[in-house]
PDB file of N, CA and C in Angstrom:
ATOM      1  N   MET A   1     240.830   8.562  63.881  1.00  0.00           N
ATOM      2  CA  MET A   1     242.238   8.767  64.074  1.00  0.00           C
ATOM      3  C   MET A   1     242.887   8.982  62.707  1.00  0.00           C
ATOM      4  N   GLN A   2     243.783   9.940  62.629  1.00  0.00           N
ATOM      5  CA  GLN A   2     244.509  10.245  61.394  1.00  0.00           C
ATOM      6  C   GLN A   2     245.951   9.765  61.527  1.00  0.00           C
ATOM      7  N   VAL A   3     246.389   8.955  60.582  1.00  0.00           N
ATOM      8  CA  VAL A   3     247.765   8.454  60.595  1.00  0.00           C
ATOM      9  C   VAL A   3     248.374   8.671  59.218  1.00  0.00           C
ATOM     10  N   ASN A   4     249.496   9.337  59.187  1.00  0.00           N
ATOM     11  CA  ASN A   4     250.274   9.522  57.972  1.00  0.00           C
ATOM     12  C   ASN A   4     251.710   9.167  58.296  1.00  0.00           C
ATOM     13  N   ALA A   5     252.515   8.977  57.267  1.00  0.00           N
ATOM     14  CA  ALA A   5     253.923   8.638  57.471  1.00  0.00           C
ATOM     15  C   ALA A   5     254.785   9.411  56.489  1.00  0.00           C
ATOM     16  N   VAL A   6     256.004   9.683  56.907  1.00  0.00           N
ATOM     17  CA  VAL A   6     256.993  10.306  56.039  1.00  0.00           C
ATOM     18  C   VAL A   6     258.070   9.258  55.786  1.00  0.00           C
ATOM     19  N   ALA A   7     258.232   8.884  54.537  1.00  0.00           N
ATOM     20  CA  ALA A   7     259.246   7.891  54.163  1.00  0.00           C
ATOM     21  C   ALA A   7     260.470   8.645  53.652  1.00  0.00           C
ATOM     22  N   GLN A   8     261.491   8.697  54.481  1.00  0.00           N
ATOM     23  CA  GLN A   8     262.662   9.508  54.163  1.00  0.00           C
ATOM     24  C   GLN A   8     263.681   8.741  53.339  1.00  0.00           C
ATOM     25  N   ASN A   9     264.194   9.425  52.353  1.00  0.00           N
ATOM     26  CA  ASN A   9     265.281   8.922  51.527  1.00  0.00           C
ATOM     27  C   ASN A   9     265.944  10.141  50.904  1.00  0.00           C
ATOM     28  N   PHE A  10     267.241  10.143  50.878  1.00  0.00           N
ATOM     29  CA  PHE A  10     268.001  11.287  50.370  1.00  0.00           C
ATOM     30  C   PHE A  10     267.715  12.559  51.168  1.00  0.00           C
ATOM     31  N   VAL A  11     267.627  12.401  52.490  1.00  0.00           N
ATOM     32  CA  VAL A  11     267.493  13.523  53.414  1.00  0.00           C
ATOM     33  C   VAL A  11     268.834  13.697  54.120  1.00  0.00           C
ATOM     34  N   ASP A  12     269.315  14.928  54.196  1.00  0.00           N
ATOM     35  CA  ASP A  12     270.602  15.217  54.837  1.00  0.00           C
ATOM     36  C   ASP A  12     270.580  14.715  56.272  1.00  0.00           C
ATOM     37  N   ASN A  13     271.403  13.716  56.551  1.00  0.00           N
ATOM     38  CA  ASN A  13     271.416  13.067  57.844  1.00  0.00           C
ATOM     39  C   ASN A  13     272.842  12.593  58.120  1.00  0.00           C
ATOM     40  N   PRO A  14     273.455  13.044  59.216  1.00  0.00           N
ATOM     41  CA  PRO A  14     274.850  12.682  59.471  1.00  0.00           C
ATOM     42  C   PRO A  14     275.077  11.193  59.731  1.00  0.00           C
ATOM     43  N   THR A  15     274.040  10.455  60.050  1.00  0.00           N
ATOM     44  CA  THR A  15     274.191   9.017  60.250  1.00  0.00           C
ATOM     45  C   THR A  15     274.299   8.289  58.913  1.00  0.00           C
ATOM     46  N   TYR A  16     273.417   8.610  57.997  1.00  0.00           N
ATOM     47  CA  TYR A  16     273.392   7.927  56.708  1.00  0.00           C
ATOM     48  C   TYR A  16     274.267   8.597  55.656  1.00  0.00           C
ATOM     49  N   PHE A  17     274.369   9.908  55.741  1.00  0.00           N
ATOM     50  CA  PHE A  17     275.148  10.673  54.764  1.00  0.00           C
ATOM     51  C   PHE A  17     276.128  11.595  55.474  1.00  0.00           C
ATOM     52  N   PRO A  18     277.143  11.029  56.170  1.00  0.00           N
ATOM     53  CA  PRO A  18     278.123  11.875  56.866  1.00  0.00           C
ATOM     54  C   PRO A  18     278.929  12.696  55.859  1.00  0.00           C
ATOM     55  N   PRO A  19     279.649  13.726  56.343  1.00  0.00           N
ATOM     56  CA  PRO A  19     280.405  14.602  55.441  1.00  0.00           C
ATOM     57  C   PRO A  19     281.322  13.852  54.469  1.00  0.00           C
ATOM     58  N   GLU A  20     281.953  12.786  54.929  1.00  0.00           N
ATOM     59  CA  GLU A  20     282.863  12.069  54.027  1.00  0.00           C
ATOM     60  C   GLU A  20     282.115  11.373  52.896  1.00  0.00           C
ATOM     61  N   VAL A  21     280.879  10.954  53.139  1.00  0.00           N
ATOM     62  CA  VAL A  21     280.058  10.370  52.077  1.00  0.00           C
ATOM     63  C   VAL A  21     279.618  11.464  51.116  1.00  0.00           C
ATOM     64  N   GLN A  22     279.149  12.584  51.672  1.00  0.00           N
ATOM     65  CA  GLN A  22     278.673  13.669  50.827  1.00  0.00           C
ATOM     66  C   GLN A  22     279.780  14.267  49.968  1.00  0.00           C
ATOM     67  N   ALA A  23     281.013  14.221  50.452  1.00  0.00           N
ATOM     68  CA  ALA A  23     282.142  14.776  49.705  1.00  0.00           C
ATOM     69  C   ALA A  23     282.644  13.822  48.615  1.00  0.00           C
ATOM     70  N   ASN A  24     282.211  12.593  48.654  1.00  0.00           N
ATOM     71  CA  ASN A  24     282.671  11.603  47.689  1.00  0.00           C
ATOM     72  C   ASN A  24     282.107  11.927  46.297  1.00  0.00           C
ATOM     73  N   PRO A  25     282.971  12.062  45.288  1.00  0.00           N
ATOM     74  CA  PRO A  25     282.493  12.372  43.933  1.00  0.00           C
ATOM     75  C   PRO A  25     281.495  11.347  43.388  1.00  0.00           C
ATOM     76  N   ARG A  26     281.648  10.073  43.756  1.00  0.00           N
ATOM     77  CA  ARG A  26     280.693   9.060  43.287  1.00  0.00           C
ATOM     78  C   ARG A  26     279.304   9.302  43.870  1.00  0.00           C
ATOM     79  N   PHE A  27     279.261   9.733  45.140  1.00  0.00           N
ATOM     80  CA  PHE A  27     277.965  10.042  45.754  1.00  0.00           C
ATOM     81  C   PHE A  27     277.345  11.258  45.078  1.00  0.00           C
ATOM     82  N   GLN A  28     278.148  12.270  44.791  1.00  0.00           N
ATOM     83  CA  GLN A  28     277.642  13.466  44.109  1.00  0.00           C
ATOM     84  C   GLN A  28     277.114  13.118  42.718  1.00  0.00           C
ATOM     85  N   GLU A  29     277.792  12.225  42.025  1.00  0.00           N
ATOM     86  CA  GLU A  29     277.314  11.764  40.716  1.00  0.00           C
ATOM     87  C   GLU A  29     275.982  11.032  40.861  1.00  0.00           C
ATOM     88  N   ARG A  30     275.876  10.229  41.913  1.00  0.00           N
ATOM     89  CA  ARG A  30     274.627   9.502  42.159  1.00  0.00           C
ATOM     90  C   ARG A  30     273.479  10.480  42.408  1.00  0.00           C
ATOM     91  N   LEU A  31     273.729  11.515  43.207  1.00  0.00           N
ATOM     92  CA  LEU A  31     272.689  12.518  43.447  1.00  0.00           C
ATOM     93  C   LEU A  31     272.264  13.175  42.134  1.00  0.00           C
ATOM     94  N   ALA A  32     273.233  13.547  41.335  1.00  0.00           N
ATOM     95  CA  ALA A  32     272.929  14.200  40.057  1.00  0.00           C
ATOM     96  C   ALA A  32     272.151  13.278  39.124  1.00  0.00           C
ATOM     97  N   ARG A  33     272.450  11.995  39.170  1.00  0.00           N
ATOM     98  CA  ARG A  33     271.834  11.025  38.270  1.00  0.00           C
ATOM     99  C   ARG A  33     270.464  10.556  38.764  1.00  0.00           C
ATOM    100  N   GLU A  34     270.312  10.351  40.075  1.00  0.00           N
ATOM    101  CA  GLU A  34     269.115   9.687  40.604  1.00  0.00           C
ATOM    102  C   GLU A  34     268.107  10.606  41.284  1.00  0.00           C
ATOM    103  N   VAL A  35     268.546  11.785  41.698  1.00  0.00           N
ATOM    104  CA  VAL A  35     267.668  12.667  42.469  1.00  0.00           C
ATOM    105  C   VAL A  35     267.385  13.920  41.652  1.00  0.00           C
ATOM    106  N   PRO A  36     266.125  14.139  41.243  1.00  0.00           N
ATOM    107  CA  PRO A  36     265.812  15.299  40.404  1.00  0.00           C
ATOM    108  C   PRO A  36     266.277  16.640  40.974  1.00  0.00           C
ATOM    109  N   LEU A  37     266.237  16.804  42.297  1.00  0.00           N
ATOM    110  CA  LEU A  37     266.729  18.055  42.884  1.00  0.00           C
ATOM    111  C   LEU A  37     268.247  18.165  42.773  1.00  0.00           C
ATOM    112  N   GLY A  38     268.916  17.024  42.644  1.00  0.00           N
ATOM    113  CA  GLY A  38     270.370  17.012  42.559  1.00  0.00           C
ATOM    114  C   GLY A  38     271.062  17.267  43.887  1.00  0.00           C
ATOM    115  N   ARG A  39     270.311  17.141  44.961  1.00  0.00           N
ATOM    116  CA  ARG A  39     270.851  17.389  46.301  1.00  0.00           C
ATOM    117  C   ARG A  39     270.030  16.630  47.320  1.00  0.00           C
ATOM    118  N   LEU A  40     270.564  16.547  48.532  1.00  0.00           N
ATOM    119  CA  LEU A  40     269.794  15.985  49.635  1.00  0.00           C
ATOM    120  C   LEU A  40     268.758  17.001  50.100  1.00  0.00           C
ATOM    121  N   VAL A  41     267.620  16.516  50.557  1.00  0.00           N
ATOM    122  CA  VAL A  41     266.620  17.378  51.189  1.00  0.00           C
ATOM    123  C   VAL A  41     267.180  17.792  52.548  1.00  0.00           C
ATOM    124  N   SER A  42     266.996  19.050  52.915  1.00  0.00           N
ATOM    125  CA  SER A  42     267.536  19.525  54.197  1.00  0.00           C
ATOM    126  C   SER A  42     266.686  19.033  55.364  1.00  0.00           C
ATOM    127  N   ALA A  43     267.297  18.980  56.523  1.00  0.00           N
ATOM    128  CA  ALA A  43     266.570  18.604  57.738  1.00  0.00           C
ATOM    129  C   ALA A  43     265.427  19.582  57.983  1.00  0.00           C
ATOM    130  N   ARG A  44     265.644  20.864  57.682  1.00  0.00           N
ATOM    131  CA  ARG A  44     264.591  21.878  57.868  1.00  0.00           C
ATOM    132  C   ARG A  44     263.398  21.593  56.950  1.00  0.00           C
ATOM    133  N   GLU A  45     263.672  21.272  55.684  1.00  0.00           N
ATOM    134  CA  GLU A  45     262.587  20.946  54.752  1.00  0.00           C
ATOM    135  C   GLU A  45     261.811  19.730  55.242  1.00  0.00           C
ATOM    136  N   ASP A  46     262.523  18.743  55.716  1.00  0.00           N
ATOM    137  CA  ASP A  46     261.905  17.532  56.240  1.00  0.00           C
ATOM    138  C   ASP A  46     261.029  17.853  57.453  1.00  0.00           C
ATOM    139  N   ALA A  47     261.555  18.646  58.367  1.00  0.00           N
ATOM    140  CA  ALA A  47     260.814  19.008  59.581  1.00  0.00           C
ATOM    141  C   ALA A  47     259.585  19.854  59.254  1.00  0.00           C
ATOM    142  N   LEU A  48     259.727  20.783  58.314  1.00  0.00           N
ATOM    143  CA  LEU A  48     258.579  21.610  57.932  1.00  0.00           C
ATOM    144  C   LEU A  48     257.465  20.751  57.327  1.00  0.00           C
ATOM    145  N   PHE A  49     257.846  19.761  56.560  1.00  0.00           N
ATOM    146  CA  PHE A  49     256.828  18.882  55.983  1.00  0.00           C
ATOM    147  C   PHE A  49     256.128  18.068  57.067  1.00  0.00           C
ATOM    148  N   ALA A  50     256.900  17.543  58.011  1.00  0.00           N
ATOM    149  CA  ALA A  50     256.297  16.795  59.119  1.00  0.00           C
ATOM    150  C   ALA A  50     255.372  17.697  59.939  1.00  0.00           C
ATOM    151  N   ALA A  51     255.784  18.941  60.172  1.00  0.00           N
ATOM    152  CA  ALA A  51     254.941  19.891  60.911  1.00  0.00           C
ATOM    153  C   ALA A  51     253.652  20.168  60.141  1.00  0.00           C
ATOM    154  N   TYR A  52     253.758  20.290  58.836  1.00  0.00           N
ATOM    155  CA  TYR A  52     252.564  20.487  58.011  1.00  0.00           C
ATOM    156  C   TYR A  52     251.605  19.306  58.175  1.00  0.00           C
ATOM    157  N   LEU A  53     252.132  18.086  58.131  1.00  0.00           N
ATOM    158  CA  LEU A  53     251.262  16.915  58.262  1.00  0.00           C
ATOM    159  C   LEU A  53     250.585  16.853  59.625  1.00  0.00           C
ATOM    160  N   CYS A  54     251.187  17.472  60.634  1.00  0.00           N
ATOM    161  CA  CYS A  54     250.591  17.505  61.978  1.00  0.00           C
ATOM    162  C   CYS A  54     249.591  18.640  62.135  1.00  0.00           C
ATOM    163  N   SER A  55     249.504  19.507  61.147  1.00  0.00           N
ATOM    164  CA  SER A  55     248.630  20.676  61.259  1.00  0.00           C
ATOM    165  C   SER A  55     247.235  20.374  60.724  1.00  0.00           C
ATOM    166  N   SER A  56     246.307  21.244  61.042  1.00  0.00           N
ATOM    167  CA  SER A  56     244.937  21.078  60.555  1.00  0.00           C
ATOM    168  C   SER A  56     244.856  21.310  59.047  1.00  0.00           C
ATOM    169  N   ALA A  57     245.860  21.954  58.457  1.00  0.00           N
ATOM    170  CA  ALA A  57     245.868  22.164  57.004  1.00  0.00           C
ATOM    171  C   ALA A  57     245.961  20.844  56.244  1.00  0.00           C
ATOM    172  N   ALA A  58     246.457  19.801  56.892  1.00  0.00           N
ATOM    173  CA  ALA A  58     246.623  18.497  56.243  1.00  0.00           C
ATOM    174  C   ALA A  58     245.513  17.521  56.610  1.00  0.00           C
ATOM    175  N   ASP A  59     244.399  18.032  57.128  1.00  0.00           N
ATOM    176  CA  ASP A  59     243.287  17.153  57.515  1.00  0.00           C
ATOM    177  C   ASP A  59     242.736  16.334  56.344  1.00  0.00           C
ATOM    178  N   CYS A  60     243.003  16.766  55.127  1.00  0.00           N
ATOM    179  CA  CYS A  60     242.471  16.052  53.963  1.00  0.00           C
ATOM    180  C   CYS A  60     243.305  14.820  53.617  1.00  0.00           C
ATOM    181  N   PHE A  61     244.462  14.659  54.256  1.00  0.00           N
ATOM    182  CA  PHE A  61     245.308  13.490  54.011  1.00  0.00           C
ATOM    183  C   PHE A  61     245.155  12.505  55.167  1.00  0.00           C
ATOM    184  N   VAL A  62     244.713  11.325  54.882  1.00  0.00           N
ATOM    185  CA  VAL A  62     244.568  10.288  55.905  1.00  0.00           C
ATOM    186  C   VAL A  62     245.099   8.974  55.337  1.00  0.00           C
ATOM    187  N   GLY A  63     245.955   8.310  56.104  1.00  0.00           N
ATOM    188  CA  GLY A  63     246.458   7.011  55.698  1.00  0.00           C
ATOM    189  C   GLY A  63     247.418   7.056  54.530  1.00  0.00           C
ATOM    190  N   GLN A  64     248.153   8.137  54.396  1.00  0.00           N
ATOM    191  CA  GLN A  64     249.079   8.287  53.283  1.00  0.00           C
ATOM    192  C   GLN A  64     250.522   8.119  53.745  1.00  0.00           C
ATOM    193  N   VAL A  65     251.368   7.683  52.839  1.00  0.00           N
ATOM    194  CA  VAL A  65     252.805   7.666  53.054  1.00  0.00           C
ATOM    195  C   VAL A  65     253.394   8.635  52.043  1.00  0.00           C
ATOM    196  N   PHE A  66     254.118   9.628  52.550  1.00  0.00           N
ATOM    197  CA  PHE A  66     254.691  10.661  51.702  1.00  0.00           C
ATOM    198  C   PHE A  66     256.201  10.475  51.607  1.00  0.00           C
ATOM    199  N   PRO A  67     256.719  10.166  50.424  1.00  0.00           N
ATOM    200  CA  PRO A  67     258.162  10.040  50.283  1.00  0.00           C
ATOM    201  C   PRO A  67     258.820  11.423  50.286  1.00  0.00           C
ATOM    202  N   VAL A  68     259.834  11.602  51.093  1.00  0.00           N
ATOM    203  CA  VAL A  68     260.629  12.824  51.105  1.00  0.00           C
ATOM    204  C   VAL A  68     261.997  12.404  50.602  1.00  0.00           C
ATOM    205  N   CYS A  69     262.270  12.726  49.343  1.00  0.00           N
ATOM    206  CA  CYS A  69     263.450  12.141  48.719  1.00  0.00           C
ATOM    207  C   CYS A  69     264.025  12.994  47.601  1.00  0.00           C
ATOM    208  N   GLY A  70     263.772  14.271  47.606  1.00  0.00           N
ATOM    209  CA  GLY A  70     264.330  15.109  46.554  1.00  0.00           C
ATOM    210  C   GLY A  70     263.669  14.921  45.207  1.00  0.00           C
ATOM    211  N   GLY A  71     262.474  14.397  45.178  1.00  0.00           N
ATOM    212  CA  GLY A  71     261.733  14.238  43.947  1.00  0.00           C
ATOM    213  C   GLY A  71     261.911  12.900  43.250  1.00  0.00           C
ATOM    214  N   TRP A  72     262.657  11.975  43.862  1.00  0.00           N
ATOM    215  CA  TRP A  72     262.973  10.707  43.230  1.00  0.00           C
ATOM    216  C   TRP A  72     261.735   9.895  42.873  1.00  0.00           C
ATOM    217  N   VAL A  73     260.749   9.841  43.747  1.00  0.00           N
ATOM    218  CA  VAL A  73     259.575   8.985  43.519  1.00  0.00           C
ATOM    219  C   VAL A  73     258.741   9.492  42.355  1.00  0.00           C
ATOM    220  N   GLY A  74     258.733  10.778  42.160  1.00  0.00           N
ATOM    221  CA  GLY A  74     257.913  11.352  41.076  1.00  0.00           C
ATOM    222  C   GLY A  74     258.461  11.126  39.689  1.00  0.00           C
ATOM    223  N   ARG A  75     259.624  10.543  39.580  1.00  0.00           N
ATOM    224  CA  ARG A  75     260.234  10.355  38.252  1.00  0.00           C
ATOM    225  C   ARG A  75     259.497   9.347  37.438  1.00  0.00           C
TER     226      ARG A  75
END
């Protein structure tokens, strides 16, 4: 059995990052300071990555947790 996980952080999500949060200058400063991409990861990018992990192309990854966070973990 193959099990992988996507650990989401800084992904565009209306529950965690509604428009009023995203429009806040302090939040924008935080993105610029803490997230190498300087933006939230899009829902499409997140979904494409999850689809990749479900594909046979990702058979070489087993038991991994992949952070999706705009590059924050790689810093």
